[in-house]
Amino acid sequence: MRKLTMTLAAILATASLAQAADLAELDTDADGVLSMEEFVAGHAEVDAEIFADIDTNEDGMIDPSEYEAATAEDGVLANN
């Protein structure tokens, strides 16, 4: 059981790192968040309405937690 738990933890950590890397790659000004322009550059299918759905705190930027939620298995961008 411990091996299974450790394996699952490693998989989840790897997935989080991959998402962080994706966000870092899109974050061209390296401010830790994605503007609409930065986000659309990496997700051409995103329009203002989808961006607003992802920007849950309505600050006009996608922060790491919003990006993680959007790219999660059941997130807004799960099939994109």
N, C-alpha and C. Protein backbone atom coordinates (compact mmCIF):
# COMPACT_ATOMS: atom_id res chain seq x y z
N MET A 1 0.83 -1.20 0.00
CA MET A 1 0.00 0.00 0.00
C MET A 1 0.87 1.25 0.00
N ARG A 2 1.97 1.22 0.75
CA ARG A 2 2.86 2.38 0.81
C ARG A 2 3.46 2.66 -0.56
N LYS A 3 3.83 1.61 -1.30
CA LYS A 3 4.39 1.80 -2.64
C LYS A 3 3.37 2.46 -3.56
N LEU A 4 2.12 2.02 -3.46
CA LEU A 4 1.06 2.60 -4.28
C LEU A 4 0.89 4.08 -3.95
N THR A 5 0.87 4.41 -2.69
CA THR A 5 0.73 5.80 -2.26
C THR A 5 1.88 6.65 -2.77
N MET A 6 3.09 6.14 -2.66
CA MET A 6 4.27 6.87 -3.13
C MET A 6 4.24 7.04 -4.65
N THR A 7 3.80 6.00 -5.35
CA THR A 7 3.71 6.07 -6.80
C THR A 7 2.69 7.13 -7.22
N LEU A 8 1.54 7.12 -6.59
CA LEU A 8 0.51 8.11 -6.91
C LEU A 8 1.00 9.52 -6.60
N ALA A 9 1.69 9.69 -5.48
CA ALA A 9 2.22 11.01 -5.13
C ALA A 9 3.22 11.48 -6.17
N ALA A 10 4.06 10.58 -6.66
CA ALA A 10 5.05 10.94 -7.68
C ALA A 10 4.36 11.33 -8.98
N ILE A 11 3.32 10.61 -9.35
CA ILE A 11 2.58 10.93 -10.58
C ILE A 11 1.94 12.31 -10.46
N LEU A 12 1.31 12.58 -9.34
CA LEU A 12 0.66 13.88 -9.14
C LEU A 12 1.69 15.01 -9.13
N ALA A 13 2.82 14.78 -8.51
CA ALA A 13 3.87 15.80 -8.47
C ALA A 13 4.38 16.08 -9.88
N THR A 14 4.56 15.04 -10.66
CA THR A 14 5.03 15.20 -12.03
C THR A 14 4.02 15.99 -12.85
N ALA A 15 2.75 15.69 -12.69
CA ALA A 15 1.70 16.42 -13.42
C ALA A 15 1.71 17.89 -13.03
N SER A 16 1.87 18.18 -11.74
CA SER A 16 1.91 19.58 -11.30
C SER A 16 3.11 20.30 -11.86
N LEU A 17 4.26 19.63 -11.90
CA LEU A 17 5.45 20.24 -12.47
C LEU A 17 5.28 20.50 -13.96
N ALA A 18 4.64 19.59 -14.66
CA ALA A 18 4.40 19.78 -16.09
C ALA A 18 3.51 20.99 -16.32
N GLN A 19 2.49 21.15 -15.52
CA GLN A 19 1.61 22.30 -15.67
C GLN A 19 2.35 23.58 -15.34
N ALA A 20 3.18 23.55 -14.30
CA ALA A 20 3.96 24.73 -13.95
C ALA A 20 4.91 25.10 -15.09
N ALA A 21 5.52 24.10 -15.69
CA ALA A 21 6.42 24.36 -16.81
C ALA A 21 5.65 24.99 -17.96
N ASP A 22 4.45 24.49 -18.23
CA ASP A 22 3.63 25.07 -19.30
C ASP A 22 3.32 26.54 -19.00
N LEU A 23 2.96 26.83 -17.77
CA LEU A 23 2.66 28.20 -17.40
C LEU A 23 3.91 29.04 -17.54
N ALA A 24 5.05 28.55 -17.08
CA ALA A 24 6.30 29.30 -17.17
C ALA A 24 6.68 29.56 -18.62
N GLU A 25 6.44 28.60 -19.49
CA GLU A 25 6.74 28.78 -20.91
C GLU A 25 5.86 29.86 -21.54
N LEU A 26 4.63 29.93 -21.12
CA LEU A 26 3.70 30.92 -21.66
C LEU A 26 3.91 32.31 -21.07
N ASP A 27 4.47 32.36 -19.88
CA ASP A 27 4.65 33.60 -19.13
C ASP A 27 5.88 34.36 -19.66
N THR A 28 5.71 35.01 -20.80
CA THR A 28 6.84 35.62 -21.49
C THR A 28 7.46 36.80 -20.75
N ASP A 29 6.71 37.47 -19.89
CA ASP A 29 7.29 38.56 -19.12
C ASP A 29 7.73 38.12 -17.73
N ALA A 30 7.60 36.83 -17.44
CA ALA A 30 8.09 36.22 -16.19
C ALA A 30 7.57 36.90 -14.93
N ASP A 31 6.28 37.29 -14.96
CA ASP A 31 5.71 37.91 -13.77
C ASP A 31 4.91 36.93 -12.92
N GLY A 32 4.89 35.66 -13.32
CA GLY A 32 4.23 34.63 -12.53
C GLY A 32 2.76 34.42 -12.84
N VAL A 33 2.20 35.24 -13.71
CA VAL A 33 0.80 35.12 -14.12
C VAL A 33 0.72 35.28 -15.63
N LEU A 34 -0.41 34.88 -16.19
CA LEU A 34 -0.60 34.97 -17.63
C LEU A 34 -1.64 36.03 -17.96
N SER A 35 -1.24 36.95 -18.82
CA SER A 35 -2.19 37.93 -19.35
C SER A 35 -3.02 37.22 -20.41
N MET A 36 -4.05 37.88 -20.88
CA MET A 36 -4.87 37.34 -21.96
C MET A 36 -4.00 37.05 -23.18
N GLU A 37 -3.11 37.98 -23.52
CA GLU A 37 -2.25 37.81 -24.70
C GLU A 37 -1.33 36.60 -24.55
N GLU A 38 -0.71 36.45 -23.37
CA GLU A 38 0.18 35.32 -23.14
C GLU A 38 -0.59 34.00 -23.19
N PHE A 39 -1.77 34.00 -22.59
CA PHE A 39 -2.56 32.78 -22.52
C PHE A 39 -3.03 32.36 -23.91
N VAL A 40 -3.52 33.30 -24.68
CA VAL A 40 -4.01 33.00 -26.02
C VAL A 40 -2.88 32.53 -26.93
N ALA A 41 -1.67 33.03 -26.72
CA ALA A 41 -0.52 32.59 -27.52
C ALA A 41 -0.29 31.09 -27.38
N GLY A 42 -0.61 30.54 -26.22
CA GLY A 42 -0.45 29.10 -26.01
C GLY A 42 -1.72 28.30 -26.16
N HIS A 43 -2.84 28.97 -26.18
CA HIS A 43 -4.15 28.32 -26.28
C HIS A 43 -5.00 29.11 -27.27
N ALA A 44 -4.73 28.92 -28.54
CA ALA A 44 -5.39 29.70 -29.59
C ALA A 44 -6.91 29.58 -29.57
N GLU A 45 -7.43 28.48 -29.04
CA GLU A 45 -8.87 28.26 -29.03
C GLU A 45 -9.59 29.06 -27.94
N VAL A 46 -8.83 29.76 -27.10
CA VAL A 46 -9.42 30.51 -25.99
C VAL A 46 -9.90 31.87 -26.47
N ASP A 47 -11.12 32.19 -26.08
CA ASP A 47 -11.64 33.52 -26.35
C ASP A 47 -11.83 34.24 -25.02
N ALA A 48 -12.30 35.46 -25.06
CA ALA A 48 -12.44 36.27 -23.85
C ALA A 48 -13.37 35.62 -22.83
N GLU A 49 -14.41 34.96 -23.30
CA GLU A 49 -15.36 34.31 -22.39
C GLU A 49 -14.70 33.15 -21.64
N ILE A 50 -13.95 32.32 -22.34
CA ILE A 50 -13.26 31.20 -21.69
C ILE A 50 -12.20 31.74 -20.74
N PHE A 51 -11.45 32.76 -21.17
CA PHE A 51 -10.45 33.37 -20.29
C PHE A 51 -11.11 33.84 -19.00
N ALA A 52 -12.26 34.49 -19.11
CA ALA A 52 -12.98 34.98 -17.93
C ALA A 52 -13.42 33.82 -17.04
N ASP A 53 -13.82 32.70 -17.63
CA ASP A 53 -14.20 31.53 -16.84
C ASP A 53 -13.01 30.99 -16.04
N ILE A 54 -11.82 31.04 -16.64
CA ILE A 54 -10.62 30.54 -15.98
C ILE A 54 -10.15 31.51 -14.91
N ASP A 55 -10.30 32.80 -15.16
CA ASP A 55 -9.87 33.86 -14.23
C ASP A 55 -10.89 34.01 -13.11
N THR A 56 -10.90 33.06 -12.20
CA THR A 56 -11.95 33.00 -11.18
C THR A 56 -11.90 34.16 -10.19
N ASN A 57 -10.72 34.75 -9.96
CA ASN A 57 -10.68 35.89 -9.04
C ASN A 57 -10.87 37.23 -9.75
N GLU A 58 -11.11 37.17 -11.06
CA GLU A 58 -11.47 38.33 -11.88
C GLU A 58 -10.46 39.48 -11.81
N ASP A 59 -9.15 39.12 -11.78
CA ASP A 59 -8.13 40.16 -11.75
C ASP A 59 -7.51 40.42 -13.12
N GLY A 60 -8.03 39.75 -14.15
CA GLY A 60 -7.53 39.95 -15.50
C GLY A 60 -6.27 39.15 -15.82
N MET A 61 -5.88 38.27 -14.91
CA MET A 61 -4.69 37.44 -15.10
C MET A 61 -5.01 36.00 -14.69
N ILE A 62 -4.28 35.06 -15.29
CA ILE A 62 -4.40 33.66 -14.90
C ILE A 62 -3.22 33.34 -14.00
N ASP A 63 -3.48 33.05 -12.73
CA ASP A 63 -2.40 32.71 -11.80
C ASP A 63 -2.19 31.20 -11.81
N PRO A 64 -1.13 30.72 -11.16
CA PRO A 64 -0.83 29.28 -11.21
C PRO A 64 -1.98 28.38 -10.74
N SER A 65 -2.71 28.78 -9.70
CA SER A 65 -3.80 27.92 -9.23
C SER A 65 -4.96 27.90 -10.24
N GLU A 66 -5.24 29.03 -10.87
CA GLU A 66 -6.28 29.07 -11.90
C GLU A 66 -5.87 28.25 -13.11
N TYR A 67 -4.60 28.33 -13.47
CA TYR A 67 -4.09 27.55 -14.61
C TYR A 67 -4.17 26.06 -14.31
N GLU A 68 -3.79 25.68 -13.11
CA GLU A 68 -3.85 24.27 -12.72
C GLU A 68 -5.29 23.76 -12.75
N ALA A 69 -6.23 24.56 -12.24
CA ALA A 69 -7.63 24.15 -12.26
C ALA A 69 -8.15 24.03 -13.69
N ALA A 70 -7.76 24.94 -14.57
CA ALA A 70 -8.24 24.93 -15.95
C ALA A 70 -7.69 23.75 -16.74
N THR A 71 -6.46 23.33 -16.42
CA THR A 71 -5.84 22.24 -17.16
C THR A 71 -5.99 20.89 -16.48
N ALA A 72 -6.66 20.85 -15.33
CA ALA A 72 -6.92 19.59 -14.64
C ALA A 72 -7.84 18.71 -15.48
N GLU A 73 -7.95 17.48 -15.12
CA GLU A 73 -8.74 16.50 -15.88
C GLU A 73 -10.17 16.96 -16.12
N ASP A 74 -10.76 17.66 -15.16
CA ASP A 74 -12.14 18.14 -15.31
C ASP A 74 -12.21 19.66 -15.50
N GLY A 75 -11.08 20.28 -15.83
CA GLY A 75 -11.01 21.72 -16.00
C GLY A 75 -11.52 22.21 -17.34
N VAL A 76 -11.63 23.52 -17.46
CA VAL A 76 -12.13 24.16 -18.66
C VAL A 76 -11.36 23.76 -19.90
N LEU A 77 -10.05 23.56 -19.76
CA LEU A 77 -9.20 23.21 -20.91
C LEU A 77 -8.86 21.73 -21.00
N ALA A 78 -9.57 20.90 -20.29
CA ALA A 78 -9.24 19.48 -20.21
C ALA A 78 -9.17 18.81 -21.58
N ASN A 79 -10.00 19.18 -22.48
CA ASN A 79 -10.03 18.53 -23.81
C ASN A 79 -9.28 19.31 -24.87
N ASN A 80 -8.56 20.36 -24.48
CA ASN A 80 -7.86 21.22 -25.45
C ASN A 80 -6.38 20.98 -25.40
